[in-house]
Amino acid sequence: MSIPIVGNAKVMSKGQITLPKDIRSKLGLVTGDRVTLICEEDRVILMNSAVYAMKMLQKEMEGEAEKAGINTDDNVMDLVKDVREACNFLTR
């Protein structure tokens, strides 16, 4: 279990805060990145939006490969090959 990073930020007049550098670093945030805020009861979870979107996509896609009969690396490679061939056909 990792040690949590605790930081404080002051809410400015327009509701803006500055995230402490160690938290930005931990989340892999750089200038211009977006964050997702999730409010649960009396706490807020802040996540890198790209990471949040990927986690939601993974959650939605859970079990779909098996339903489509994609169970092995060979199945994945065959699917990639088929998609590439279809894309090549469309661009001719």
C-alpha atoms as a PDB file:
ATOM      1  CA  MET A   1       0.000   0.000   0.000  1.00  0.00           C
ATOM      2  CA  SER A   2       1.422   3.373  -0.961  1.00  0.00           C
ATOM      3  CA  ILE A   3       1.700   6.321   1.374  1.00  0.00           C
ATOM      4  CA  PRO A   4      -0.900   8.982   0.507  1.00  0.00           C
ATOM      5  CA  ILE A   5       0.212  12.423  -0.559  1.00  0.00           C
ATOM      6  CA  VAL A   6      -1.570  15.114   1.418  1.00  0.00           C
ATOM      7  CA  GLY A   7      -1.601  18.666   0.133  1.00  0.00           C
ATOM      8  CA  ASN A   8      -3.600  21.807   0.711  1.00  0.00           C
ATOM      9  CA  ALA A   9      -4.917  24.369  -1.725  1.00  0.00           C
ATOM     10  CA  LYS A  10      -6.706  27.661  -1.240  1.00  0.00           C
ATOM     11  CA  VAL A  11      -9.948  28.287  -3.135  1.00  0.00           C
ATOM     12  CA  MET A  12      -9.694  31.609  -4.968  1.00  0.00           C
ATOM     13  CA  SER A  13     -12.550  33.992  -5.799  1.00  0.00           C
ATOM     14  CA  LYS A  14     -13.464  32.210  -9.055  1.00  0.00           C
ATOM     15  CA  GLY A  15     -13.361  28.760  -7.441  1.00  0.00           C
ATOM     16  CA  GLN A  16      -9.877  28.005  -8.775  1.00  0.00           C
ATOM     17  CA  ILE A  17      -7.227  26.117  -6.868  1.00  0.00           C
ATOM     18  CA  THR A  18      -3.580  25.370  -7.569  1.00  0.00           C
ATOM     19  CA  LEU A  19      -2.725  21.693  -7.188  1.00  0.00           C
ATOM     20  CA  PRO A  20       0.456  21.087  -5.217  1.00  0.00           C
ATOM     21  CA  LYS A  21       3.417  20.073  -7.386  1.00  0.00           C
ATOM     22  CA  ASP A  22       3.840  16.635  -5.801  1.00  0.00           C
ATOM     23  CA  ILE A  23       0.200  15.784  -6.545  1.00  0.00           C
ATOM     24  CA  ARG A  24       0.482  17.028 -10.149  1.00  0.00           C
ATOM     25  CA  SER A  25       3.588  14.874 -10.547  1.00  0.00           C
ATOM     26  CA  LYS A  26       1.922  11.806  -9.017  1.00  0.00           C
ATOM     27  CA  LEU A  27      -1.022  12.158 -11.429  1.00  0.00           C
ATOM     28  CA  GLY A  28       1.236  12.864 -14.409  1.00  0.00           C
ATOM     29  CA  LEU A  29      -0.404  16.253 -14.989  1.00  0.00           C
ATOM     30  CA  VAL A  30       1.196  18.990 -17.044  1.00  0.00           C
ATOM     31  CA  THR A  31      -0.004  22.428 -18.116  1.00  0.00           C
ATOM     32  CA  GLY A  32      -3.150  22.136 -20.228  1.00  0.00           C
ATOM     33  CA  ASP A  33      -4.160  18.661 -19.004  1.00  0.00           C
ATOM     34  CA  ARG A  34      -7.714  18.135 -17.859  1.00  0.00           C
ATOM     35  CA  VAL A  35      -8.785  16.568 -14.579  1.00  0.00           C
ATOM     36  CA  THR A  36     -11.954  14.771 -13.571  1.00  0.00           C
ATOM     37  CA  LEU A  37     -13.508  15.451 -10.171  1.00  0.00           C
ATOM     38  CA  ILE A  38     -15.741  12.823  -8.585  1.00  0.00           C
ATOM     39  CA  CYS A  39     -17.703  13.934  -5.520  1.00  0.00           C
ATOM     40  CA  GLU A  40     -18.653  11.154  -3.089  1.00  0.00           C
ATOM     41  CA  GLU A  41     -20.356  12.187   0.138  1.00  0.00           C
ATOM     42  CA  ASP A  42     -17.971  14.625   1.826  1.00  0.00           C
ATOM     43  CA  ARG A  43     -14.870  13.987  -0.293  1.00  0.00           C
ATOM     44  CA  VAL A  44     -13.686  14.657  -3.821  1.00  0.00           C
ATOM     45  CA  ILE A  45     -11.564  12.317  -5.922  1.00  0.00           C
ATOM     46  CA  LEU A  46      -9.418  14.081  -8.505  1.00  0.00           C
ATOM     47  CA  MET A  47      -8.117  12.042 -11.445  1.00  0.00           C
ATOM     48  CA  ASN A  48      -6.214  12.685 -14.633  1.00  0.00           C
ATOM     49  CA  SER A  49      -9.079  12.778 -17.176  1.00  0.00           C
ATOM     50  CA  ALA A  50      -7.230  10.584 -19.673  1.00  0.00           C
ATOM     51  CA  VAL A  51      -6.715   7.907 -17.011  1.00  0.00           C
ATOM     52  CA  TYR A  52     -10.342   8.213 -15.888  1.00  0.00           C
ATOM     53  CA  ALA A  53     -11.615   7.833 -19.470  1.00  0.00           C
ATOM     54  CA  MET A  54      -9.452   4.742 -20.002  1.00  0.00           C
ATOM     55  CA  LYS A  55     -10.677   3.161 -16.755  1.00  0.00           C
ATOM     56  CA  MET A  56     -14.306   3.781 -17.761  1.00  0.00           C
ATOM     57  CA  LEU A  57     -13.682   2.323 -21.234  1.00  0.00           C
ATOM     58  CA  GLN A  58     -12.030  -0.749 -19.718  1.00  0.00           C
ATOM     59  CA  LYS A  59     -14.958  -1.192 -17.348  1.00  0.00           C
ATOM     60  CA  GLU A  60     -17.485  -0.922 -20.212  1.00  0.00           C
ATOM     61  CA  MET A  61     -15.520  -3.322 -22.418  1.00  0.00           C
ATOM     62  CA  GLU A  62     -15.007  -5.957 -19.715  1.00  0.00           C
ATOM     63  CA  GLY A  63     -16.018  -9.359 -21.080  1.00  0.00           C
ATOM     64  CA  GLU A  64     -16.682  -8.121 -24.631  1.00  0.00           C
ATOM     65  CA  ALA A  65     -13.647  -9.879 -26.137  1.00  0.00           C
ATOM     66  CA  GLU A  66     -14.839 -13.219 -24.824  1.00  0.00           C
ATOM     67  CA  LYS A  67     -18.345 -12.572 -26.170  1.00  0.00           C
ATOM     68  CA  ALA A  68     -16.815 -11.872 -29.602  1.00  0.00           C
ATOM     69  CA  GLY A  69     -14.733 -15.059 -29.439  1.00  0.00           C
ATOM     70  CA  ILE A  70     -11.419 -13.243 -29.018  1.00  0.00           C
ATOM     71  CA  ASN A  71      -9.630 -15.450 -26.518  1.00  0.00           C
ATOM     72  CA  THR A  72      -6.024 -15.688 -27.704  1.00  0.00           C
ATOM     73  CA  ASP A  73      -3.243 -13.499 -29.039  1.00  0.00           C
ATOM     74  CA  ASP A  74      -3.749 -15.175 -32.422  1.00  0.00           C
ATOM     75  CA  ASN A  75      -7.407 -14.076 -32.392  1.00  0.00           C
ATOM     76  CA  VAL A  76      -6.291 -10.491 -31.749  1.00  0.00           C
ATOM     77  CA  MET A  77      -3.696 -10.619 -34.529  1.00  0.00           C
ATOM     78  CA  ASP A  78      -6.277 -12.012 -36.961  1.00  0.00           C
ATOM     79  CA  LEU A  79      -8.680  -9.214 -36.059  1.00  0.00           C
ATOM     80  CA  VAL A  80      -5.968  -6.567 -36.534  1.00  0.00           C
ATOM     81  CA  LYS A  81      -5.095  -8.085 -39.920  1.00  0.00           C
ATOM     82  CA  ASP A  82      -8.763  -8.037 -41.000  1.00  0.00           C
ATOM     83  CA  VAL A  83      -9.200  -4.403 -39.923  1.00  0.00           C
ATOM     84  CA  ARG A  84      -6.017  -3.328 -41.734  1.00  0.00           C
ATOM     85  CA  GLU A  85      -7.135  -5.083 -44.903  1.00  0.00           C
ATOM     86  CA  ALA A  86     -10.549  -3.409 -44.673  1.00  0.00           C
ATOM     87  CA  CYS A  87      -8.929   0.006 -44.174  1.00  0.00           C
ATOM     88  CA  ASN A  88      -6.600  -0.571 -47.137  1.00  0.00           C
ATOM     89  CA  PHE A  89      -9.572  -1.550 -49.275  1.00  0.00           C
ATOM     90  CA  LEU A  90     -11.442   1.634 -48.309  1.00  0.00           C
ATOM     91  CA  THR A  91      -8.476   3.907 -49.117  1.00  0.00           C
ATOM     92  CA  ARG A  92      -7.844   2.507 -52.592  1.00  0.00           C
END
